[in-house]
């Protein structure tokens, strides 16, 4: 027999199951691909946001993190002037390049990586 307590408990469990924070995915050298409950994805290192949302694509090539970002529909930060487009993170020295083009990525990786996305 279904009781009010069981029904209420089921709905509370259902609500709470949607409130779990997504676990960050390790990329390389302490950098993570993280996301918010609003489904905005960004790159972090420790407690610092390195690339603001919304990161659409990311790949690790040697010691570089290469990706593409665009302004999210529902921003989770106030820095809307941050460049969209491709980005490169050199994880050896922490240098971040935003709004770069495909030829810059090819040059940064000494011709070893060509973007096809």
PDB file of N, CA and C in Angstrom:
ATOM      1  N   UNK A   1       0.842  -1.175   0.000  1.00  0.00           N
ATOM      2  CA  UNK A   1       0.000   0.000   0.000  1.00  0.00           C
ATOM      3  C   UNK A   1       0.893   1.247   0.000  1.00  0.00           C
ATOM      4  N   UNK A   2       0.598   2.158  -0.888  1.00  0.00           N
ATOM      5  CA  UNK A   2       1.371   3.391  -0.982  1.00  0.00           C
ATOM      6  C   UNK A   2       0.811   4.395   0.013  1.00  0.00           C
ATOM      7  N   UNK A   3       1.711   4.874   0.854  1.00  0.00           N
ATOM      8  CA  UNK A   3       1.294   5.852   1.862  1.00  0.00           C
ATOM      9  C   UNK A   3       1.799   7.233   1.486  1.00  0.00           C
ATOM     10  N   UNK A   4       1.294   8.219   2.185  1.00  0.00           N
ATOM     11  CA  UNK A   4       1.731   9.599   1.953  1.00  0.00           C
ATOM     12  C   UNK A   4       3.215   9.732   2.267  1.00  0.00           C
ATOM     13  N   UNK A   5       3.694   9.056   3.316  1.00  0.00           N
ATOM     14  CA  UNK A   5       5.111   9.137   3.682  1.00  0.00           C
ATOM     15  C   UNK A   5       5.997   8.576   2.572  1.00  0.00           C
ATOM     16  N   UNK A   6       5.599   7.448   1.997  1.00  0.00           N
ATOM     17  CA  UNK A   6       6.389   6.855   0.912  1.00  0.00           C
ATOM     18  C   UNK A   6       6.396   7.759  -0.315  1.00  0.00           C
ATOM     19  N   UNK A   7       5.244   8.310  -0.643  1.00  0.00           N
ATOM     20  CA  UNK A   7       5.150   9.203  -1.799  1.00  0.00           C
ATOM     21  C   UNK A   7       5.983  10.451  -1.587  1.00  0.00           C
ATOM     22  N   UNK A   8       5.875  11.038  -0.409  1.00  0.00           N
ATOM     23  CA  UNK A   8       6.644  12.236  -0.081  1.00  0.00           C
ATOM     24  C   UNK A   8       8.143  11.928  -0.097  1.00  0.00           C
ATOM     25  N   UNK A   9       8.521  10.797   0.461  1.00  0.00           N
ATOM     26  CA  UNK A   9       9.924  10.389   0.469  1.00  0.00           C
ATOM     27  C   UNK A   9      10.465  10.198  -0.935  1.00  0.00           C
ATOM     28  N   UNK A  10       9.650   9.612  -1.811  1.00  0.00           N
ATOM     29  CA  UNK A  10      10.065   9.419  -3.200  1.00  0.00           C
ATOM     30  C   UNK A  10      10.326  10.758  -3.882  1.00  0.00           C
ATOM     31  N   UNK A  11       9.424  11.720  -3.699  1.00  0.00           N
ATOM     32  CA  UNK A  11       9.593  13.021  -4.344  1.00  0.00           C
ATOM     33  C   UNK A  11      10.776  13.802  -3.770  1.00  0.00           C
ATOM     34  N   UNK A  12      11.029  13.689  -2.487  1.00  0.00           N
ATOM     35  CA  UNK A  12      12.196  14.345  -1.885  1.00  0.00           C
ATOM     36  C   UNK A  12      13.480  13.738  -2.458  1.00  0.00           C
ATOM     37  N   UNK A  13      13.528  12.422  -2.567  1.00  0.00           N
ATOM     38  CA  UNK A  13      14.690  11.747  -3.149  1.00  0.00           C
ATOM     39  C   UNK A  13      14.881  12.160  -4.611  1.00  0.00           C
ATOM     40  N   UNK A  14      13.796  12.261  -5.347  1.00  0.00           N
ATOM     41  CA  UNK A  14      13.863  12.669  -6.747  1.00  0.00           C
ATOM     42  C   UNK A  14      14.404  14.088  -6.884  1.00  0.00           C
ATOM     43  N   UNK A  15      13.960  14.985  -6.043  1.00  0.00           N
ATOM     44  CA  UNK A  15      14.426  16.377  -6.068  1.00  0.00           C
ATOM     45  C   UNK A  15      15.901  16.452  -5.699  1.00  0.00           C
ATOM     46  N   UNK A  16      16.305  15.760  -4.642  1.00  0.00           N
ATOM     47  CA  UNK A  16      17.697  15.810  -4.191  1.00  0.00           C
ATOM     48  C   UNK A  16      18.654  15.164  -5.182  1.00  0.00           C
ATOM     49  N   UNK A  17      18.192  14.180  -5.929  1.00  0.00           N
ATOM     50  CA  UNK A  17      19.086  13.527  -6.888  1.00  0.00           C
ATOM     51  C   UNK A  17      19.489  14.472  -8.011  1.00  0.00           C
ATOM     52  N   UNK A  18      18.704  15.485  -8.287  1.00  0.00           N
ATOM     53  CA  UNK A  18      19.045  16.472  -9.298  1.00  0.00           C
ATOM     54  C   UNK A  18      19.930  17.579  -8.779  1.00  0.00           C
ATOM     55  N   UNK A  19      20.257  17.593  -7.496  1.00  0.00           N
ATOM     56  CA  UNK A  19      21.041  18.664  -6.892  1.00  0.00           C
ATOM     57  C   UNK A  19      22.497  18.295  -6.664  1.00  0.00           C
ATOM     58  N   UNK A  20      22.922  17.177  -7.155  1.00  0.00           N
ATOM     59  CA  UNK A  20      24.302  16.739  -6.948  1.00  0.00           C
ATOM     60  C   UNK A  20      25.215  17.511  -7.894  1.00  0.00           C
ATOM     61  N   UNK A  21      26.283  18.065  -7.356  1.00  0.00           N
ATOM     62  CA  UNK A  21      27.237  18.800  -8.183  1.00  0.00           C
ATOM     63  C   UNK A  21      27.995  17.834  -9.083  1.00  0.00           C
ATOM     64  N   UNK A  22      28.162  18.191 -10.352  1.00  0.00           N
ATOM     65  CA  UNK A  22      28.950  17.344 -11.246  1.00  0.00           C
ATOM     66  C   UNK A  22      30.407  17.283 -10.792  1.00  0.00           C
ATOM     67  N   UNK A  23      31.041  16.137 -10.985  1.00  0.00           N
ATOM     68  CA  UNK A  23      32.433  15.971 -10.581  1.00  0.00           C
ATOM     69  C   UNK A  23      33.352  16.469 -11.695  1.00  0.00           C
ATOM     70  N   UNK A  24      34.335  17.321 -11.362  1.00  0.00           N
ATOM     71  CA  UNK A  24      35.277  17.815 -12.382  1.00  0.00           C
ATOM     72  C   UNK A  24      36.087  16.673 -12.997  1.00  0.00           C
ATOM     73  N   UNK A  25      36.387  16.794 -14.280  1.00  0.00           N
ATOM     74  CA  UNK A  25      37.168  15.795 -15.005  1.00  0.00           C
ATOM     75  C   UNK A  25      38.599  16.300 -15.151  1.00  0.00           C
ATOM     76  N   UNK A  26      39.572  15.519 -14.674  1.00  0.00           N
ATOM     77  CA  UNK A  26      40.980  15.904 -14.769  1.00  0.00           C
ATOM     78  C   UNK A  26      41.418  15.921 -16.228  1.00  0.00           C
ATOM     79  N   UNK A  27      42.064  17.021 -16.623  1.00  0.00           N
ATOM     80  CA  UNK A  27      42.610  17.139 -17.974  1.00  0.00           C
ATOM     81  C   UNK A  27      44.094  16.804 -17.956  1.00  0.00           C
ATOM     82  N   UNK A  28      44.921  17.682 -17.323  1.00  0.00           N
ATOM     83  CA  UNK A  28      46.371  17.485 -17.233  1.00  0.00           C
ATOM     84  C   UNK A  28      46.936  18.510 -16.251  1.00  0.00           C
ATOM     85  N   UNK A  29      47.973  18.134 -15.527  1.00  0.00           N
ATOM     86  CA  UNK A  29      48.723  19.042 -14.642  1.00  0.00           C
ATOM     87  C   UNK A  29      47.844  19.880 -13.711  1.00  0.00           C
ATOM     88  N   UNK A  30      46.817  19.271 -13.150  1.00  0.00           N
ATOM     89  CA  UNK A  30      45.964  19.971 -12.183  1.00  0.00           C
ATOM     90  C   UNK A  30      44.837  20.784 -12.790  1.00  0.00           C
ATOM     91  N   UNK A  31      44.712  20.800 -14.094  1.00  0.00           N
ATOM     92  CA  UNK A  31      43.609  21.496 -14.764  1.00  0.00           C
ATOM     93  C   UNK A  31      42.428  20.534 -14.878  1.00  0.00           C
ATOM     94  N   UNK A  32      41.230  21.067 -14.680  1.00  0.00           N
ATOM     95  CA  UNK A  32      40.019  20.250 -14.736  1.00  0.00           C
ATOM     96  C   UNK A  32      38.983  20.867 -15.664  1.00  0.00           C
ATOM     97  N   UNK A  33      38.165  20.018 -16.243  1.00  0.00           N
ATOM     98  CA  UNK A  33      36.976  20.452 -16.959  1.00  0.00           C
ATOM     99  C   UNK A  33      35.840  20.336 -15.959  1.00  0.00           C
ATOM    100  N   UNK A  34      35.230  21.461 -15.615  1.00  0.00           N
ATOM    101  CA  UNK A  34      34.206  21.501 -14.581  1.00  0.00           C
ATOM    102  C   UNK A  34      32.910  22.027 -15.168  1.00  0.00           C
ATOM    103  N   UNK A  35      31.818  21.826 -14.441  1.00  0.00           N
ATOM    104  CA  UNK A  35      30.545  22.378 -14.891  1.00  0.00           C
ATOM    105  C   UNK A  35      29.689  22.747 -13.697  1.00  0.00           C
ATOM    106  N   UNK A  36      28.726  23.619 -13.957  1.00  0.00           N
ATOM    107  CA  UNK A  36      27.802  24.062 -12.919  1.00  0.00           C
ATOM    108  C   UNK A  36      26.489  23.323 -13.080  1.00  0.00           C
ATOM    109  N   UNK A  37      25.606  23.526 -12.126  1.00  0.00           N
ATOM    110  CA  UNK A  37      24.279  22.935 -12.238  1.00  0.00           C
ATOM    111  C   UNK A  37      23.504  23.532 -13.401  1.00  0.00           C
ATOM    112  N   UNK A  38      23.937  24.703 -13.883  1.00  0.00           N
ATOM    113  CA  UNK A  38      23.293  25.330 -15.042  1.00  0.00           C
ATOM    114  C   UNK A  38      23.837  24.744 -16.340  1.00  0.00           C
ATOM    115  N   UNK A  39      24.677  23.728 -16.228  1.00  0.00           N
ATOM    116  CA  UNK A  39      25.284  23.037 -17.369  1.00  0.00           C
ATOM    117  C   UNK A  39      26.290  23.885 -18.126  1.00  0.00           C
ATOM    118  N   UNK A  40      26.793  24.937 -17.517  1.00  0.00           N
ATOM    119  CA  UNK A  40      27.881  25.704 -18.118  1.00  0.00           C
ATOM    120  C   UNK A  40      29.187  24.996 -17.805  1.00  0.00           C
ATOM    121  N   UNK A  41      30.041  24.833 -18.803  1.00  0.00           N
ATOM    122  CA  UNK A  41      31.295  24.107 -18.648  1.00  0.00           C
ATOM    123  C   UNK A  41      32.463  25.077 -18.757  1.00  0.00           C
ATOM    124  N   UNK A  42      33.481  24.880 -17.913  1.00  0.00           N
ATOM    125  CA  UNK A  42      34.633  25.770 -17.867  1.00  0.00           C
ATOM    126  C   UNK A  42      35.867  25.000 -17.439  1.00  0.00           C
ATOM    127  N   UNK A  43      37.050  25.622 -17.580  1.00  0.00           N
ATOM    128  CA  UNK A  43      38.316  24.993 -17.198  1.00  0.00           C
ATOM    129  C   UNK A  43      38.802  25.655 -15.916  1.00  0.00           C
ATOM    130  N   UNK A  44      39.183  24.829 -14.931  1.00  0.00           N
ATOM    131  CA  UNK A  44      39.645  25.336 -13.641  1.00  0.00           C
ATOM    132  C   UNK A  44      41.005  24.747 -13.299  1.00  0.00           C
ATOM    133  N   UNK A  45      41.682  25.424 -12.364  1.00  0.00           N
ATOM    134  CA  UNK A  45      42.886  24.878 -11.736  1.00  0.00           C
ATOM    135  C   UNK A  45      42.788  25.276 -10.277  1.00  0.00           C
ATOM    136  N   UNK A  46      42.683  24.283  -9.424  1.00  0.00           N
ATOM    137  CA  UNK A  46      42.426  24.573  -8.014  1.00  0.00           C
ATOM    138  C   UNK A  46      41.059  25.226  -7.889  1.00  0.00           C
ATOM    139  N   UNK A  47      41.014  26.366  -7.207  1.00  0.00           N
ATOM    140  CA  UNK A  47      39.750  27.084  -7.050  1.00  0.00           C
ATOM    141  C   UNK A  47      39.618  28.230  -8.046  1.00  0.00           C
ATOM    142  N   UNK A  48      40.515  28.308  -9.016  1.00  0.00           N
ATOM    143  CA  UNK A  48      40.513  29.415  -9.972  1.00  0.00           C
ATOM    144  C   UNK A  48      39.914  28.980 -11.315  1.00  0.00           C
ATOM    145  N   UNK A  49      39.033  29.816 -11.852  1.00  0.00           N
ATOM    146  CA  UNK A  49      38.487  29.573 -13.185  1.00  0.00           C
ATOM    147  C   UNK A  49      39.484  30.126 -14.201  1.00  0.00           C
ATOM    148  N   UNK A  50      39.988  29.268 -15.062  1.00  0.00           N
ATOM    149  CA  UNK A  50      40.974  29.664 -16.065  1.00  0.00           C
ATOM    150  C   UNK A  50      40.278  30.083 -17.362  1.00  0.00           C
ATOM    151  N   UNK A  51      39.336  29.282 -17.830  1.00  0.00           N
ATOM    152  CA  UNK A  51      38.533  29.588 -19.017  1.00  0.00           C
ATOM    153  C   UNK A  51      37.073  29.584 -18.578  1.00  0.00           C
ATOM    154  N   UNK A  52      36.423  30.732 -18.706  1.00  0.00           N
ATOM    155  CA  UNK A  52      35.014  30.838 -18.316  1.00  0.00           C
ATOM    156  C   UNK A  52      34.122  30.087 -19.296  1.00  0.00           C
ATOM    157  N   UNK A  53      32.909  29.842 -18.850  1.00  0.00           N
ATOM    158  CA  UNK A  53      31.948  29.098 -19.658  1.00  0.00           C
ATOM    159  C   UNK A  53      31.520  29.909 -20.876  1.00  0.00           C
ATOM    160  N   UNK A  54      31.136  29.268 -21.863  1.00  0.00           N
ATOM    161  CA  UNK A  54      30.813  27.868 -21.957  1.00  0.00           C
ATOM    162  C   UNK A  54      31.835  27.200 -22.881  1.00  0.00           C
ATOM    163  N   UNK A  55      32.590  26.244 -22.328  1.00  0.00           N
ATOM    164  CA  UNK A  55      33.583  25.508 -23.107  1.00  0.00           C
ATOM    165  C   UNK A  55      32.841  24.427 -23.895  1.00  0.00           C
ATOM    166  N   UNK A  56      32.947  24.495 -25.202  1.00  0.00           N
ATOM    167  CA  UNK A  56      32.234  23.561 -26.076  1.00  0.00           C
ATOM    168  C   UNK A  56      33.039  22.313 -26.390  1.00  0.00           C
ATOM    169  N   UNK A  57      34.361  22.469 -26.479  1.00  0.00           N
ATOM    170  CA  UNK A  57      35.224  21.355 -26.875  1.00  0.00           C
ATOM    171  C   UNK A  57      36.585  21.559 -26.223  1.00  0.00           C
ATOM    172  N   UNK A  58      37.208  20.479 -25.788  1.00  0.00           N
ATOM    173  CA  UNK A  58      38.538  20.579 -25.193  1.00  0.00           C
ATOM    174  C   UNK A  58      39.314  19.295 -25.486  1.00  0.00           C
ATOM    175  N   UNK A  59      40.605  19.458 -25.787  1.00  0.00           N
ATOM    176  CA  UNK A  59      41.494  18.320 -26.010  1.00  0.00           C
ATOM    177  C   UNK A  59      42.845  18.614 -25.376  1.00  0.00           C
ATOM    178  N   UNK A  60      43.504  17.558 -24.923  1.00  0.00           N
ATOM    179  CA  UNK A  60      44.857  17.671 -24.386  1.00  0.00           C
ATOM    180  C   UNK A  60      45.819  17.195 -25.468  1.00  0.00           C
ATOM    181  N   UNK A  61      46.764  18.060 -25.822  1.00  0.00           N
ATOM    182  CA  UNK A  61      47.790  17.740 -26.814  1.00  0.00           C
ATOM    183  C   UNK A  61      49.131  18.046 -26.165  1.00  0.00           C
ATOM    184  N   UNK A  62      49.876  16.976 -25.844  1.00  0.00           N
ATOM    185  CA  UNK A  62      51.133  17.096 -25.102  1.00  0.00           C
ATOM    186  C   UNK A  62      50.861  17.868 -23.810  1.00  0.00           C
ATOM    187  N   UNK A  63      51.497  19.030 -23.610  1.00  0.00           N
ATOM    188  CA  UNK A  63      51.271  19.797 -22.378  1.00  0.00           C
ATOM    189  C   UNK A  63      50.309  20.967 -22.602  1.00  0.00           C
ATOM    190  N   UNK A  64      49.611  20.960 -23.728  1.00  0.00           N
ATOM    191  CA  UNK A  64      48.649  22.016 -24.042  1.00  0.00           C
ATOM    192  C   UNK A  64      47.219  21.529 -23.824  1.00  0.00           C
ATOM    193  N   UNK A  65      46.370  22.443 -23.381  1.00  0.00           N
ATOM    194  CA  UNK A  65      44.931  22.215 -23.398  1.00  0.00           C
ATOM    195  C   UNK A  65      44.394  23.142 -24.480  1.00  0.00           C
ATOM    196  N   UNK A  66      43.754  22.560 -25.468  1.00  0.00           N
ATOM    197  CA  UNK A  66      43.228  23.312 -26.600  1.00  0.00           C
ATOM    198  C   UNK A  66      41.720  23.145 -26.599  1.00  0.00           C
ATOM    199  N   UNK A  67      41.004  24.242 -26.808  1.00  0.00           N
ATOM    200  CA  UNK A  67      39.559  24.142 -26.798  1.00  0.00           C
ATOM    201  C   UNK A  67      38.880  25.294 -27.489  1.00  0.00           C
ATOM    202  N   UNK A  68      37.562  25.264 -27.416  1.00  0.00           N
ATOM    203  CA  UNK A  68      36.738  26.314 -28.004  1.00  0.00           C
ATOM    204  C   UNK A  68      35.645  26.681 -27.010  1.00  0.00           C
ATOM    205  N   UNK A  69      35.399  28.006 -26.890  1.00  0.00           N
ATOM    206  CA  UNK A  69      34.350  28.458 -25.987  1.00  0.00           C
ATOM    207  C   UNK A  69      33.477  29.486 -26.674  1.00  0.00           C
ATOM    208  N   UNK A  70      32.267  29.611 -26.152  1.00  0.00           N
ATOM    209  CA  UNK A  70      31.352  30.654 -26.594  1.00  0.00           C
ATOM    210  C   UNK A  70      30.630  31.197 -25.370  1.00  0.00           C
ATOM    211  N   UNK A  71      30.067  32.379 -25.496  1.00  0.00           N
ATOM    212  CA  UNK A  71      29.314  32.944 -24.383  1.00  0.00           C
ATOM    213  C   UNK A  71      28.081  32.086 -24.147  1.00  0.00           C
ATOM    214  N   UNK A  72      27.818  31.718 -22.886  1.00  0.00           N
ATOM    215  CA  UNK A  72      26.679  30.855 -22.595  1.00  0.00           C
ATOM    216  C   UNK A  72      25.360  31.615 -22.686  1.00  0.00           C
ATOM    217  N   UNK A  73      24.305  30.862 -22.877  1.00  0.00           N
ATOM    218  CA  UNK A  73      22.964  31.447 -22.896  1.00  0.00           C
ATOM    219  C   UNK A  73      22.610  32.001 -21.520  1.00  0.00           C
ATOM    220  N   UNK A  74      23.006  31.291 -20.474  1.00  0.00           N
ATOM    221  CA  UNK A  74      22.776  31.713 -19.091  1.00  0.00           C
ATOM    222  C   UNK A  74      24.128  31.816 -18.394  1.00  0.00           C
ATOM    223  N   UNK A  75      24.812  32.977 -18.479  1.00  0.00           N
ATOM    224  CA  UNK A  75      26.162  33.112 -17.920  1.00  0.00           C
ATOM    225  C   UNK A  75      26.204  32.890 -16.410  1.00  0.00           C
ATOM    226  N   UNK A  76      27.291  32.281 -15.943  1.00  0.00           N
ATOM    227  CA  UNK A  76      27.486  32.088 -14.506  1.00  0.00           C
ATOM    228  C   UNK A  76      28.614  32.979 -13.999  1.00  0.00           C
ATOM    229  N   UNK A  77      28.946  34.030 -14.749  1.00  0.00           N
ATOM    230  CA  UNK A  77      29.985  34.978 -14.352  1.00  0.00           C
ATOM    231  C   UNK A  77      29.667  36.325 -14.971  1.00  0.00           C
ATOM    232  N   UNK A  78      30.360  37.347 -14.557  1.00  0.00           N
ATOM    233  CA  UNK A  78      30.110  38.705 -15.037  1.00  0.00           C
ATOM    234  C   UNK A  78      31.099  39.163 -16.095  1.00  0.00           C
ATOM    235  N   UNK A  79      32.051  38.336 -16.450  1.00  0.00           N
ATOM    236  CA  UNK A  79      33.093  38.720 -17.402  1.00  0.00           C
ATOM    237  C   UNK A  79      32.672  38.365 -18.824  1.00  0.00           C
ATOM    238  N   UNK A  80      31.681  39.086 -19.338  1.00  0.00           N
ATOM    239  CA  UNK A  80      31.154  38.777 -20.661  1.00  0.00           C
ATOM    240  C   UNK A  80      32.045  39.291 -21.781  1.00  0.00           C
ATOM    241  N   UNK A  81      33.069  40.075 -21.444  1.00  0.00           N
ATOM    242  CA  UNK A  81      33.971  40.588 -22.466  1.00  0.00           C
ATOM    243  C   UNK A  81      35.121  39.625 -22.767  1.00  0.00           C
ATOM    244  N   UNK A  82      35.147  38.477 -22.112  1.00  0.00           N
ATOM    245  CA  UNK A  82      36.194  37.488 -22.343  1.00  0.00           C
ATOM    246  C   UNK A  82      36.015  36.917 -23.749  1.00  0.00           C
ATOM    247  N   UNK A  83      37.103  36.780 -24.475  1.00  0.00           N
ATOM    248  CA  UNK A  83      37.048  36.384 -25.888  1.00  0.00           C
ATOM    249  C   UNK A  83      36.423  35.011 -26.097  1.00  0.00           C
ATOM    250  N   UNK A  84      35.596  34.944 -27.125  1.00  0.00           N
ATOM    251  CA  UNK A  84      35.056  33.666 -27.567  1.00  0.00           C
ATOM    252  C   UNK A  84      36.035  33.043 -28.552  1.00  0.00           C
ATOM    253  N   UNK A  85      35.750  31.834 -28.967  1.00  0.00           N
ATOM    254  CA  UNK A  85      36.564  31.171 -29.977  1.00  0.00           C
ATOM    255  C   UNK A  85      37.538  30.177 -29.375  1.00  0.00           C
ATOM    256  N   UNK A  86      38.599  29.915 -30.095  1.00  0.00           N
ATOM    257  CA  UNK A  86      39.578  28.923 -29.659  1.00  0.00           C
ATOM    258  C   UNK A  86      40.469  29.474 -28.548  1.00  0.00           C
ATOM    259  N   UNK A  87      40.955  28.580 -27.699  1.00  0.00           N
ATOM    260  CA  UNK A  87      41.890  28.970 -26.645  1.00  0.00           C
ATOM    261  C   UNK A  87      42.974  27.912 -26.516  1.00  0.00           C
ATOM    262  N   UNK A  88      44.107  28.335 -25.959  1.00  0.00           N
ATOM    263  CA  UNK A  88      45.235  27.439 -25.686  1.00  0.00           C
ATOM    264  C   UNK A  88      45.712  27.721 -24.272  1.00  0.00           C
ATOM    265  N   UNK A  89      45.940  26.659 -23.509  1.00  0.00           N
ATOM    266  CA  UNK A  89      46.568  26.782 -22.191  1.00  0.00           C
ATOM    267  C   UNK A  89      47.863  25.988 -22.242  1.00  0.00           C
ATOM    268  N   UNK A  90      48.975  26.655 -21.997  1.00  0.00           N
ATOM    269  CA  UNK A  90      50.267  25.979 -21.878  1.00  0.00           C
ATOM    270  C   UNK A  90      50.402  25.596 -20.411  1.00  0.00           C
ATOM    271  N   UNK A  91      50.234  24.326 -20.098  1.00  0.00           N
ATOM    272  CA  UNK A  91      50.217  23.899 -18.699  1.00  0.00           C
ATOM    273  C   UNK A  91      51.600  23.881 -18.065  1.00  0.00           C
ATOM    274  N   UNK A  92      52.656  24.031 -18.861  1.00  0.00           N
ATOM    275  CA  UNK A  92      54.005  24.106 -18.280  1.00  0.00           C
ATOM    276  C   UNK A  92      54.250  25.454 -17.620  1.00  0.00           C
ATOM    277  N   UNK A  93      53.786  26.535 -18.263  1.00  0.00           N
ATOM    278  CA  UNK A  93      54.040  27.873 -17.702  1.00  0.00           C
ATOM    279  C   UNK A  93      52.767  28.627 -17.321  1.00  0.00           C
ATOM    280  N   UNK A  94      51.593  28.024 -17.555  1.00  0.00           N
ATOM    281  CA  UNK A  94      50.334  28.653 -17.166  1.00  0.00           C
ATOM    282  C   UNK A  94      49.841  29.730 -18.114  1.00  0.00           C
ATOM    283  N   UNK A  95      50.505  29.905 -19.244  1.00  0.00           N
ATOM    284  CA  UNK A  95      50.100  30.937 -20.200  1.00  0.00           C
ATOM    285  C   UNK A  95      48.779  30.552 -20.871  1.00  0.00           C
ATOM    286  N   UNK A  96      47.848  31.524 -20.905  1.00  0.00           N
ATOM    287  CA  UNK A  96      46.534  31.316 -21.505  1.00  0.00           C
ATOM    288  C   UNK A  96      46.374  32.274 -22.676  1.00  0.00           C
ATOM    289  N   UNK A  97      45.980  31.744 -23.821  1.00  0.00           N
ATOM    290  CA  UNK A  97      45.700  32.569 -24.999  1.00  0.00           C
ATOM    291  C   UNK A  97      44.239  32.373 -25.370  1.00  0.00           C
ATOM    292  N   UNK A  98      43.491  33.475 -25.403  1.00  0.00           N
ATOM    293  CA  UNK A  98      42.063  33.427 -25.714  1.00  0.00           C
ATOM    294  C   UNK A  98      41.793  34.037 -27.079  1.00  0.00           C
ATOM    295  N   UNK A  99      40.740  33.559 -27.728  1.00  0.00           N
ATOM    296  CA  UNK A  99      40.328  34.126 -29.003  1.00  0.00           C
ATOM    297  C   UNK A  99      41.326  33.929 -30.122  1.00  0.00           C
ATOM    298  N   UNK A 100      42.059  32.831 -30.081  1.00  0.00           N
ATOM    299  CA  UNK A 100      43.072  32.572 -31.110  1.00  0.00           C
ATOM    300  C   UNK A 100      42.437  31.879 -32.315  1.00  0.00           C
ATOM    301  N   UNK A 101      43.129  31.891 -33.438  1.00  0.00           N
ATOM    302  CA  UNK A 101      42.627  31.196 -34.619  1.00  0.00           C
ATOM    303  C   UNK A 101      43.342  29.853 -34.781  1.00  0.00           C
ATOM    304  N   UNK A 102      42.872  29.076 -35.733  1.00  0.00           N
ATOM    305  CA  UNK A 102      43.420  27.729 -35.935  1.00  0.00           C
ATOM    306  C   UNK A 102      44.904  27.743 -36.287  1.00  0.00           C
ATOM    307  N   UNK A 103      45.351  28.741 -37.037  1.00  0.00           N
ATOM    308  CA  UNK A 103      46.768  28.789 -37.424  1.00  0.00           C
ATOM    309  C   UNK A 103      47.663  29.034 -36.211  1.00  0.00           C
ATOM    310  N   UNK A 104      47.177  29.781 -35.229  1.00  0.00           N
ATOM    311  CA  UNK A 104      47.944  30.009 -33.998  1.00  0.00           C
ATOM    312  C   UNK A 104      48.118  28.710 -33.229  1.00  0.00           C
ATOM    313  N   UNK A 105      47.082  27.897 -33.209  1.00  0.00           N
ATOM    314  CA  UNK A 105      47.165  26.603 -32.522  1.00  0.00           C
ATOM    315  C   UNK A 105      48.159  25.698 -33.238  1.00  0.00           C
ATOM    316  N   UNK A 106      48.112  25.680 -34.550  1.00  0.00           N
ATOM    317  CA  UNK A 106      49.055  24.876 -35.329  1.00  0.00           C
ATOM    318  C   UNK A 106      50.490  25.320 -35.054  1.00  0.00           C
ATOM    319  N   UNK A 107      50.709  26.631 -34.989  1.00  0.00           N
ATOM    320  CA  UNK A 107      52.045  27.172 -34.714  1.00  0.00           C
ATOM    321  C   UNK A 107      52.491  26.845 -33.287  1.00  0.00           C
ATOM    322  N   UNK A 108      51.585  26.966 -32.313  1.00  0.00           N
ATOM    323  CA  UNK A 108      51.925  26.703 -30.904  1.00  0.00           C
ATOM    324  C   UNK A 108      52.330  25.260 -30.671  1.00  0.00           C
ATOM    325  N   UNK A 109      51.758  24.356 -31.452  1.00  0.00           N
ATOM    326  CA  UNK A 109      52.070  22.934 -31.291  1.00  0.00           C
ATOM    327  C   UNK A 109      53.126  22.466 -32.288  1.00  0.00           C
ATOM    328  N   UNK A 110      53.867  23.421 -32.856  1.00  0.00           N
ATOM    329  CA  UNK A 110      54.926  23.121 -33.833  1.00  0.00           C
ATOM    330  C   UNK A 110      54.424  22.266 -34.993  1.00  0.00           C
ATOM    331  N   UNK A 111      53.208  22.559 -35.440  1.00  0.00           N
ATOM    332  CA  UNK A 111      52.634  21.860 -36.583  1.00  0.00           C
ATOM    333  C   UNK A 111      52.133  20.466 -36.300  1.00  0.00           C
ATOM    334  N   UNK A 112      52.120  20.054 -35.032  1.00  0.00           N
ATOM    335  CA  UNK A 112      51.734  18.687 -34.684  1.00  0.00           C
ATOM    336  C   UNK A 112      50.225  18.509 -34.539  1.00  0.00           C
ATOM    337  N   UNK A 113      49.494  19.610 -34.390  1.00  0.00           N
ATOM    338  CA  UNK A 113      48.060  19.471 -34.136  1.00  0.00           C
ATOM    339  C   UNK A 113      47.267  20.424 -35.007  1.00  0.00           C
ATOM    340  N   UNK A 114      46.405  19.860 -35.813  1.00  0.00           N
ATOM    341  CA  UNK A 114      45.538  20.659 -36.681  1.00  0.00           C
ATOM    342  C   UNK A 114      44.092  20.453 -36.236  1.00  0.00           C
ATOM    343  N   UNK A 115      43.393  21.543 -35.999  1.00  0.00           N
ATOM    344  CA  UNK A 115      42.004  21.468 -35.536  1.00  0.00           C
ATOM    345  C   UNK A 115      41.092  21.102 -36.697  1.00  0.00           C
ATOM    346  N   UNK A 116      40.253  20.100 -36.474  1.00  0.00           N
ATOM    347  CA  UNK A 116      39.253  19.738 -37.477  1.00  0.00           C
ATOM    348  C   UNK A 116      37.841  19.829 -36.897  1.00  0.00           C
ATOM    349  N   UNK A 117      37.695  20.644 -35.868  1.00  0.00           N
ATOM    350  CA  UNK A 117      36.383  20.858 -35.253  1.00  0.00           C
ATOM    351  C   UNK A 117      36.116  22.321 -35.089  1.00  0.00           C
TER     352      UNK A 117
END
